[in-house]
N, C-alpha and C. Protein backbone atom coordinates (compact mmCIF):
# COMPACT_ATOMS: atom_id res chain seq x y z
N UNK A 1 -148.44 1.17 -87.66
CA UNK A 1 -149.61 1.67 -86.97
C UNK A 1 -150.20 0.56 -86.10
N UNK A 2 -150.71 0.95 -84.97
CA UNK A 2 -151.30 0.01 -84.03
C UNK A 2 -152.51 -0.68 -84.65
N UNK A 3 -152.64 -2.00 -84.46
CA UNK A 3 -153.76 -2.74 -85.04
C UNK A 3 -155.09 -2.22 -84.53
N UNK A 4 -155.10 -1.85 -83.22
CA UNK A 4 -156.34 -1.36 -82.63
C UNK A 4 -156.84 -0.11 -83.34
N UNK A 5 -155.92 0.78 -83.70
CA UNK A 5 -156.31 2.03 -84.36
C UNK A 5 -156.86 1.78 -85.75
N UNK A 6 -156.34 0.79 -86.44
CA UNK A 6 -156.82 0.52 -87.80
C UNK A 6 -158.14 -0.23 -87.80
N UNK A 7 -158.49 -0.82 -86.68
CA UNK A 7 -159.75 -1.55 -86.60
C UNK A 7 -160.91 -0.55 -86.45
N UNK A 8 -161.79 -0.53 -87.40
CA UNK A 8 -162.88 0.46 -87.43
C UNK A 8 -163.82 0.34 -86.23
N UNK A 9 -164.16 -0.87 -85.85
CA UNK A 9 -165.08 -1.07 -84.72
C UNK A 9 -164.48 -0.50 -83.44
N UNK A 10 -163.21 -0.78 -83.24
CA UNK A 10 -162.54 -0.28 -82.04
C UNK A 10 -162.55 1.26 -82.05
N UNK A 11 -162.26 1.81 -83.22
CA UNK A 11 -162.22 3.27 -83.33
C UNK A 11 -163.59 3.87 -83.02
N UNK A 12 -164.65 3.31 -83.60
CA UNK A 12 -165.98 3.86 -83.37
C UNK A 12 -166.41 3.78 -81.91
N UNK A 13 -166.00 2.71 -81.21
CA UNK A 13 -166.35 2.57 -79.80
C UNK A 13 -165.58 3.56 -78.93
N UNK A 14 -164.32 3.82 -79.29
CA UNK A 14 -163.43 4.63 -78.45
C UNK A 14 -163.02 5.94 -79.12
N UNK A 15 -163.88 6.46 -79.95
CA UNK A 15 -163.56 7.66 -80.72
C UNK A 15 -163.12 8.83 -79.84
N UNK A 16 -163.91 9.16 -78.83
CA UNK A 16 -163.60 10.30 -77.96
C UNK A 16 -162.28 10.12 -77.21
N UNK A 17 -162.08 8.93 -76.71
CA UNK A 17 -160.84 8.61 -75.97
C UNK A 17 -159.62 8.77 -76.89
N UNK A 18 -159.71 8.25 -78.10
CA UNK A 18 -158.60 8.32 -79.05
C UNK A 18 -158.32 9.76 -79.49
N UNK A 19 -159.37 10.54 -79.68
CA UNK A 19 -159.19 11.94 -80.06
C UNK A 19 -158.51 12.71 -78.94
N UNK A 20 -158.89 12.40 -77.70
CA UNK A 20 -158.28 13.06 -76.54
C UNK A 20 -156.79 12.74 -76.47
N UNK A 21 -156.44 11.48 -76.68
CA UNK A 21 -155.03 11.07 -76.67
C UNK A 21 -154.27 11.78 -77.79
N UNK A 22 -154.88 11.87 -78.94
CA UNK A 22 -154.26 12.53 -80.08
C UNK A 22 -154.04 14.02 -79.80
N UNK A 23 -155.03 14.67 -79.23
CA UNK A 23 -154.89 16.10 -78.89
C UNK A 23 -153.76 16.32 -77.88
N UNK A 24 -153.70 15.46 -76.88
CA UNK A 24 -152.64 15.57 -75.87
C UNK A 24 -151.27 15.37 -76.49
N UNK A 25 -151.14 14.39 -77.38
CA UNK A 25 -149.87 14.14 -78.05
C UNK A 25 -149.44 15.37 -78.85
N UNK A 26 -150.38 15.93 -79.61
CA UNK A 26 -150.08 17.12 -80.42
C UNK A 26 -149.67 18.29 -79.54
N UNK A 27 -150.34 18.41 -78.41
CA UNK A 27 -150.04 19.50 -77.48
C UNK A 27 -148.63 19.36 -76.90
N UNK A 28 -148.25 18.14 -76.55
CA UNK A 28 -146.95 17.88 -75.94
C UNK A 28 -145.81 17.84 -76.96
N UNK A 29 -146.10 17.57 -78.22
CA UNK A 29 -145.07 17.44 -79.26
C UNK A 29 -145.36 18.38 -80.44
N UNK A 30 -145.54 19.64 -80.15
CA UNK A 30 -145.92 20.62 -81.18
C UNK A 30 -144.93 20.67 -82.34
N UNK A 31 -143.65 20.79 -81.99
CA UNK A 31 -142.63 20.94 -83.03
C UNK A 31 -142.54 19.70 -83.91
N UNK A 32 -142.56 18.56 -83.30
CA UNK A 32 -142.50 17.29 -84.04
C UNK A 32 -143.70 17.16 -85.00
N UNK A 33 -144.88 17.47 -84.49
CA UNK A 33 -146.10 17.39 -85.32
C UNK A 33 -146.05 18.40 -86.45
N UNK A 34 -145.51 19.59 -86.14
CA UNK A 34 -145.42 20.63 -87.17
C UNK A 34 -144.52 20.18 -88.32
N UNK A 35 -143.39 19.58 -87.99
CA UNK A 35 -142.48 19.09 -89.02
C UNK A 35 -143.11 17.95 -89.83
N UNK A 36 -143.79 17.04 -89.14
CA UNK A 36 -144.46 15.92 -89.82
C UNK A 36 -145.55 16.43 -90.75
N UNK A 37 -146.34 17.41 -90.28
CA UNK A 37 -147.41 17.97 -91.09
C UNK A 37 -146.86 18.69 -92.32
N UNK A 38 -145.75 19.40 -92.12
CA UNK A 38 -145.12 20.12 -93.23
C UNK A 38 -144.63 19.15 -94.31
N UNK A 39 -143.99 18.07 -93.86
CA UNK A 39 -143.49 17.06 -94.79
C UNK A 39 -144.66 16.41 -95.55
N UNK A 40 -145.73 16.10 -94.83
CA UNK A 40 -146.91 15.50 -95.44
C UNK A 40 -147.51 16.46 -96.48
N UNK A 41 -147.60 17.75 -96.13
CA UNK A 41 -148.15 18.74 -97.05
C UNK A 41 -147.33 18.83 -98.33
N UNK A 42 -146.04 18.84 -98.20
CA UNK A 42 -145.16 18.93 -99.37
C UNK A 42 -145.35 17.72 -100.28
N UNK A 43 -145.47 16.53 -99.69
CA UNK A 43 -145.62 15.30 -100.48
C UNK A 43 -147.01 15.15 -101.09
N UNK A 44 -148.03 15.76 -100.50
CA UNK A 44 -149.42 15.57 -100.96
C UNK A 44 -150.11 16.89 -101.28
N UNK A 45 -149.36 17.84 -101.78
CA UNK A 45 -149.88 19.18 -102.03
C UNK A 45 -151.10 19.20 -102.96
N UNK A 46 -151.01 18.47 -104.07
CA UNK A 46 -152.11 18.45 -105.05
C UNK A 46 -153.39 17.88 -104.46
N UNK A 47 -153.26 16.77 -103.77
CA UNK A 47 -154.43 16.13 -103.17
C UNK A 47 -155.07 17.02 -102.10
N UNK A 48 -154.24 17.65 -101.29
CA UNK A 48 -154.76 18.53 -100.24
C UNK A 48 -155.49 19.71 -100.84
N UNK A 49 -154.93 20.33 -101.85
CA UNK A 49 -155.59 21.49 -102.47
C UNK A 49 -156.90 21.08 -103.14
N UNK A 50 -156.93 19.89 -103.76
CA UNK A 50 -158.16 19.41 -104.38
C UNK A 50 -159.26 19.19 -103.34
N UNK A 51 -158.89 18.59 -102.22
CA UNK A 51 -159.86 18.34 -101.14
C UNK A 51 -160.37 19.66 -100.56
N UNK A 52 -159.45 20.61 -100.38
CA UNK A 52 -159.86 21.92 -99.84
C UNK A 52 -160.82 22.63 -100.78
N UNK A 53 -160.53 22.58 -102.08
CA UNK A 53 -161.41 23.24 -103.05
C UNK A 53 -162.78 22.59 -103.06
N UNK A 54 -162.83 21.26 -103.02
CA UNK A 54 -164.11 20.56 -102.99
C UNK A 54 -164.91 20.94 -101.75
N UNK A 55 -164.23 21.02 -100.59
CA UNK A 55 -164.90 21.40 -99.35
C UNK A 55 -165.42 22.84 -99.46
N UNK A 56 -164.61 23.72 -100.02
CA UNK A 56 -164.99 25.12 -100.18
C UNK A 56 -166.24 25.24 -101.07
N UNK A 57 -166.23 24.55 -102.22
CA UNK A 57 -167.36 24.65 -103.14
C UNK A 57 -168.62 24.01 -102.58
N UNK A 58 -168.46 22.94 -101.78
CA UNK A 58 -169.65 22.35 -101.15
C UNK A 58 -170.29 23.30 -100.16
N UNK A 59 -169.48 24.04 -99.42
CA UNK A 59 -170.03 24.93 -98.39
C UNK A 59 -170.53 26.23 -98.97
N UNK A 60 -169.98 26.68 -100.09
CA UNK A 60 -170.36 27.99 -100.63
C UNK A 60 -171.18 27.91 -101.91
N UNK A 61 -171.60 26.74 -102.30
CA UNK A 61 -172.29 26.58 -103.58
C UNK A 61 -173.53 27.46 -103.69
N UNK A 62 -174.40 27.41 -102.71
CA UNK A 62 -175.63 28.19 -102.77
C UNK A 62 -175.36 29.68 -102.80
N UNK A 63 -174.40 30.14 -102.01
CA UNK A 63 -174.05 31.55 -101.98
C UNK A 63 -173.52 31.98 -103.34
N UNK A 64 -172.63 31.16 -103.92
CA UNK A 64 -172.05 31.48 -105.23
C UNK A 64 -173.13 31.53 -106.30
N UNK A 65 -174.05 30.59 -106.28
CA UNK A 65 -175.10 30.56 -107.29
C UNK A 65 -175.98 31.80 -107.21
N UNK A 66 -176.33 32.22 -105.98
CA UNK A 66 -177.16 33.41 -105.82
C UNK A 66 -176.45 34.64 -106.35
N UNK A 67 -175.15 34.76 -106.01
CA UNK A 67 -174.36 35.90 -106.49
C UNK A 67 -174.23 35.85 -108.01
N UNK A 68 -174.06 34.65 -108.55
CA UNK A 68 -173.92 34.49 -109.99
C UNK A 68 -175.20 34.87 -110.72
N UNK A 69 -176.35 34.47 -110.17
CA UNK A 69 -177.62 34.81 -110.80
C UNK A 69 -177.84 36.31 -110.81
N UNK A 70 -177.40 36.99 -109.75
CA UNK A 70 -177.49 38.45 -109.73
C UNK A 70 -176.56 39.05 -110.79
N UNK A 71 -175.38 38.45 -110.93
CA UNK A 71 -174.38 38.97 -111.83
C UNK A 71 -174.78 38.87 -113.30
N UNK A 72 -175.39 37.75 -113.70
CA UNK A 72 -175.69 37.58 -115.12
C UNK A 72 -176.83 38.49 -115.57
N UNK A 73 -177.57 39.06 -114.63
CA UNK A 73 -178.63 39.99 -115.01
C UNK A 73 -178.08 41.38 -115.32
N UNK A 74 -176.80 41.63 -114.95
CA UNK A 74 -176.19 42.91 -115.23
C UNK A 74 -175.96 43.06 -116.74
N UNK A 75 -176.08 44.27 -117.27
CA UNK A 75 -175.72 44.48 -118.68
C UNK A 75 -174.23 44.19 -118.88
N UNK A 76 -173.89 43.78 -120.07
CA UNK A 76 -172.54 43.33 -120.36
C UNK A 76 -171.50 44.43 -120.15
N UNK A 77 -171.86 45.68 -120.44
CA UNK A 77 -170.87 46.76 -120.30
C UNK A 77 -170.51 47.04 -118.84
N UNK A 78 -171.31 46.54 -117.89
CA UNK A 78 -170.99 46.73 -116.48
C UNK A 78 -170.01 45.69 -115.95
N UNK A 79 -169.80 44.62 -116.72
CA UNK A 79 -168.84 43.60 -116.32
C UNK A 79 -167.44 44.16 -116.49
N UNK A 80 -166.57 43.87 -115.57
CA UNK A 80 -165.18 44.33 -115.70
C UNK A 80 -164.33 43.16 -116.13
N UNK A 81 -163.63 43.32 -117.22
CA UNK A 81 -162.70 42.29 -117.68
C UNK A 81 -161.34 42.93 -117.86
N UNK A 82 -160.31 42.19 -117.55
CA UNK A 82 -158.96 42.72 -117.62
C UNK A 82 -158.48 42.86 -119.07
N UNK A 83 -159.01 42.03 -119.95
CA UNK A 83 -158.57 42.10 -121.34
C UNK A 83 -159.80 42.03 -122.26
N UNK A 84 -159.62 42.32 -123.49
CA UNK A 84 -160.73 42.25 -124.45
C UNK A 84 -161.40 43.59 -124.60
N UNK A 85 -161.42 44.13 -125.82
CA UNK A 85 -161.97 45.46 -126.01
C UNK A 85 -163.38 45.43 -126.55
N UNK A 86 -163.66 44.50 -127.43
CA UNK A 86 -165.00 44.50 -128.01
C UNK A 86 -165.92 43.52 -127.32
N UNK A 87 -167.19 43.63 -127.59
CA UNK A 87 -168.21 42.84 -126.91
C UNK A 87 -168.09 41.34 -127.21
N UNK A 88 -167.59 41.02 -128.40
CA UNK A 88 -167.41 39.61 -128.78
C UNK A 88 -166.38 38.94 -127.88
N UNK A 89 -165.25 39.62 -127.66
CA UNK A 89 -164.21 39.07 -126.80
C UNK A 89 -164.68 38.97 -125.36
N UNK A 90 -165.42 39.98 -124.89
CA UNK A 90 -165.93 39.95 -123.53
C UNK A 90 -166.87 38.78 -123.33
N UNK A 91 -167.72 38.52 -124.30
CA UNK A 91 -168.66 37.41 -124.21
C UNK A 91 -167.91 36.08 -124.14
N UNK A 92 -166.87 35.94 -124.96
CA UNK A 92 -166.07 34.71 -124.94
C UNK A 92 -165.39 34.51 -123.59
N UNK A 93 -164.79 35.57 -123.08
CA UNK A 93 -164.08 35.49 -121.80
C UNK A 93 -165.03 35.12 -120.67
N UNK A 94 -166.19 35.77 -120.63
CA UNK A 94 -167.16 35.51 -119.57
C UNK A 94 -167.69 34.08 -119.63
N UNK A 95 -167.93 33.60 -120.85
CA UNK A 95 -168.42 32.23 -121.00
C UNK A 95 -167.34 31.22 -120.59
N UNK A 96 -166.10 31.45 -121.00
CA UNK A 96 -165.00 30.55 -120.62
C UNK A 96 -164.84 30.51 -119.11
N UNK A 97 -164.94 31.67 -118.47
CA UNK A 97 -164.82 31.74 -117.01
C UNK A 97 -165.95 30.97 -116.33
N UNK A 98 -167.17 31.12 -116.84
CA UNK A 98 -168.32 30.43 -116.25
C UNK A 98 -168.21 28.92 -116.44
N UNK A 99 -167.71 28.48 -117.59
CA UNK A 99 -167.54 27.04 -117.84
C UNK A 99 -166.44 26.49 -116.94
N UNK A 100 -165.35 27.24 -116.80
CA UNK A 100 -164.24 26.81 -115.96
C UNK A 100 -164.67 26.67 -114.50
N UNK A 101 -165.51 27.59 -114.04
CA UNK A 101 -165.98 27.55 -112.65
C UNK A 101 -167.22 26.68 -112.49
N UNK A 102 -167.60 26.00 -113.58
CA UNK A 102 -168.74 25.06 -113.60
C UNK A 102 -170.06 25.72 -113.24
N UNK A 103 -170.20 26.99 -113.61
CA UNK A 103 -171.49 27.67 -113.43
C UNK A 103 -172.37 27.43 -114.65
N UNK A 104 -171.72 27.20 -115.78
CA UNK A 104 -172.40 26.78 -117.00
C UNK A 104 -171.79 25.44 -117.38
N UNK A 105 -172.62 24.46 -117.62
CA UNK A 105 -172.12 23.11 -117.91
C UNK A 105 -172.03 22.91 -119.42
N UNK A 106 -170.85 22.53 -119.85
CA UNK A 106 -170.60 22.28 -121.26
C UNK A 106 -170.96 20.82 -121.57
N UNK A 107 -171.87 20.60 -122.53
CA UNK A 107 -172.25 19.21 -122.84
C UNK A 107 -171.16 18.50 -123.64
N UNK A 108 -171.31 17.20 -123.78
CA UNK A 108 -170.33 16.44 -124.56
C UNK A 108 -170.92 15.98 -125.89
N UNK A 109 -172.05 16.60 -126.31
CA UNK A 109 -172.57 16.27 -127.64
C UNK A 109 -173.11 17.53 -128.31
N UNK A 110 -173.09 17.51 -129.61
CA UNK A 110 -173.53 18.62 -130.43
C UNK A 110 -175.05 18.76 -130.34
N UNK A 111 -175.54 19.99 -130.20
CA UNK A 111 -176.98 20.18 -130.10
C UNK A 111 -177.65 20.14 -131.47
N UNK A 112 -176.87 20.15 -132.53
CA UNK A 112 -177.43 20.11 -133.89
C UNK A 112 -177.51 18.68 -134.41
N UNK A 113 -176.39 17.97 -134.42
CA UNK A 113 -176.37 16.61 -134.99
C UNK A 113 -176.37 15.52 -133.92
N UNK A 114 -176.33 15.88 -132.65
CA UNK A 114 -176.34 14.95 -131.51
C UNK A 114 -175.18 13.97 -131.50
N UNK A 115 -174.08 14.33 -132.14
CA UNK A 115 -172.90 13.48 -132.16
C UNK A 115 -172.11 13.66 -130.86
N UNK A 116 -171.77 12.56 -130.20
CA UNK A 116 -171.00 12.64 -128.96
C UNK A 116 -169.53 12.84 -129.28
N UNK A 117 -168.94 13.84 -128.63
CA UNK A 117 -167.53 14.17 -128.82
C UNK A 117 -166.91 14.54 -127.49
N UNK A 118 -165.58 14.55 -127.40
CA UNK A 118 -164.96 15.06 -126.18
C UNK A 118 -165.32 16.55 -126.01
N UNK A 119 -165.39 17.00 -124.76
CA UNK A 119 -165.81 18.37 -124.48
C UNK A 119 -164.94 19.42 -125.15
N UNK A 120 -163.66 19.12 -125.33
CA UNK A 120 -162.77 20.12 -125.95
C UNK A 120 -163.08 20.33 -127.43
N UNK A 121 -163.84 19.43 -128.07
CA UNK A 121 -164.19 19.58 -129.48
C UNK A 121 -165.58 20.19 -129.68
N UNK A 122 -166.25 20.56 -128.60
CA UNK A 122 -167.56 21.21 -128.68
C UNK A 122 -167.35 22.71 -128.60
N UNK A 123 -167.94 23.46 -129.54
CA UNK A 123 -167.79 24.91 -129.61
C UNK A 123 -169.07 25.58 -129.13
N UNK A 124 -168.92 26.78 -128.58
CA UNK A 124 -170.07 27.57 -128.17
C UNK A 124 -170.36 28.60 -129.27
N UNK A 125 -171.62 28.69 -129.66
CA UNK A 125 -172.01 29.68 -130.69
C UNK A 125 -172.96 30.68 -130.05
N UNK A 126 -172.59 31.96 -130.13
CA UNK A 126 -173.43 33.04 -129.60
C UNK A 126 -174.31 33.60 -130.71
N UNK A 127 -175.59 33.64 -130.48
CA UNK A 127 -176.49 34.34 -131.40
C UNK A 127 -176.45 35.84 -131.11
N UNK A 128 -176.40 36.18 -129.81
CA UNK A 128 -176.35 37.57 -129.37
C UNK A 128 -175.25 37.69 -128.32
N UNK A 129 -174.24 38.50 -128.59
CA UNK A 129 -173.11 38.60 -127.67
C UNK A 129 -173.47 39.33 -126.38
N UNK A 130 -174.54 40.09 -126.38
CA UNK A 130 -174.97 40.76 -125.14
C UNK A 130 -175.53 39.75 -124.15
N UNK A 131 -176.05 38.64 -124.66
CA UNK A 131 -176.50 37.53 -123.81
C UNK A 131 -175.45 36.43 -123.90
N UNK A 132 -174.32 36.66 -123.24
CA UNK A 132 -173.16 35.78 -123.37
C UNK A 132 -173.42 34.38 -122.83
N UNK A 133 -174.36 34.23 -121.91
CA UNK A 133 -174.64 32.92 -121.31
C UNK A 133 -175.58 32.09 -122.18
N UNK A 134 -176.20 32.73 -123.17
CA UNK A 134 -177.15 32.05 -124.06
C UNK A 134 -176.39 31.57 -125.30
N UNK A 135 -175.95 30.31 -125.29
CA UNK A 135 -175.15 29.77 -126.38
C UNK A 135 -175.74 28.47 -126.90
N UNK A 136 -175.35 28.13 -128.11
CA UNK A 136 -175.69 26.84 -128.71
C UNK A 136 -174.37 26.06 -128.77
N UNK A 137 -174.38 24.83 -128.26
CA UNK A 137 -173.18 24.01 -128.24
C UNK A 137 -173.14 23.14 -129.50
N UNK A 138 -172.13 23.37 -130.35
CA UNK A 138 -172.03 22.71 -131.64
C UNK A 138 -170.66 22.07 -131.84
N UNK A 139 -170.66 21.02 -132.68
CA UNK A 139 -169.36 20.44 -133.09
C UNK A 139 -168.76 21.38 -134.13
N UNK A 140 -167.51 21.18 -134.47
CA UNK A 140 -166.82 22.08 -135.39
C UNK A 140 -167.49 22.10 -136.77
N UNK A 141 -167.94 20.94 -137.23
CA UNK A 141 -168.58 20.85 -138.55
C UNK A 141 -169.87 21.68 -138.59
N UNK A 142 -170.74 21.44 -137.61
CA UNK A 142 -172.02 22.17 -137.56
C UNK A 142 -171.80 23.66 -137.35
N UNK A 143 -170.79 24.01 -136.55
CA UNK A 143 -170.51 25.42 -136.28
C UNK A 143 -170.07 26.14 -137.56
N UNK A 144 -169.19 25.51 -138.31
CA UNK A 144 -168.73 26.15 -139.55
C UNK A 144 -169.87 26.22 -140.58
N UNK A 145 -170.71 25.18 -140.65
CA UNK A 145 -171.86 25.20 -141.56
C UNK A 145 -172.84 26.33 -141.21
N UNK A 146 -173.04 26.53 -139.92
CA UNK A 146 -173.93 27.60 -139.46
C UNK A 146 -173.43 28.97 -139.89
N UNK A 147 -172.12 29.18 -139.76
CA UNK A 147 -171.54 30.46 -140.17
C UNK A 147 -171.58 30.63 -141.69
N UNK A 148 -171.38 29.56 -142.44
CA UNK A 148 -171.46 29.62 -143.91
C UNK A 148 -172.88 29.98 -144.33
N UNK A 149 -173.88 29.38 -143.69
CA UNK A 149 -175.29 29.69 -144.00
C UNK A 149 -175.59 31.16 -143.70
N UNK A 150 -175.07 31.68 -142.60
CA UNK A 150 -175.30 33.09 -142.27
C UNK A 150 -174.69 34.01 -143.32
N UNK A 151 -173.47 33.67 -143.77
CA UNK A 151 -172.81 34.49 -144.80
C UNK A 151 -173.61 34.44 -146.11
N UNK A 152 -174.07 33.26 -146.49
CA UNK A 152 -174.86 33.12 -147.72
C UNK A 152 -176.20 33.87 -147.64
N UNK A 153 -176.81 33.84 -146.49
CA UNK A 153 -178.09 34.53 -146.31
C UNK A 153 -177.95 36.06 -146.37
N UNK A 154 -176.80 36.57 -145.91
CA UNK A 154 -176.55 38.02 -145.94
C UNK A 154 -176.31 38.51 -147.38
N UNK A 155 -175.46 37.75 -148.09
CA UNK A 155 -174.98 38.21 -149.39
C UNK A 155 -175.87 37.84 -150.49
């Protein structure tokens, strides 16, 4: 690569001129550029898709949040899920989807004992499955103790 092009000061001073030269080159060498771009895409597919997703989420974040807030106010039976027959499964699926899309943030510590753990070891506990977004984040120990207490209180 030309030293002048790698020099940031030179680039900032001559930005428009360099872009014009680049556009002309691409226009005159379409096929060559197409092959080079294709090869680059194949070699850097993961990085390109990650950058595209980040750009997409930055531009659509507010729109997504507004739509999401409207969606969570819907009763659970109006949600369409491809799998899961009972309300418990639907609540789990919807919560997993929201966590995966980072609409609900999963903490890295238990809300009961405040022990820090990796996120994969934190469990979500639903008090009411109709309010699937309303969960308590617990470690496995606290979660099992909570269920044991509920069973003892019933019986």
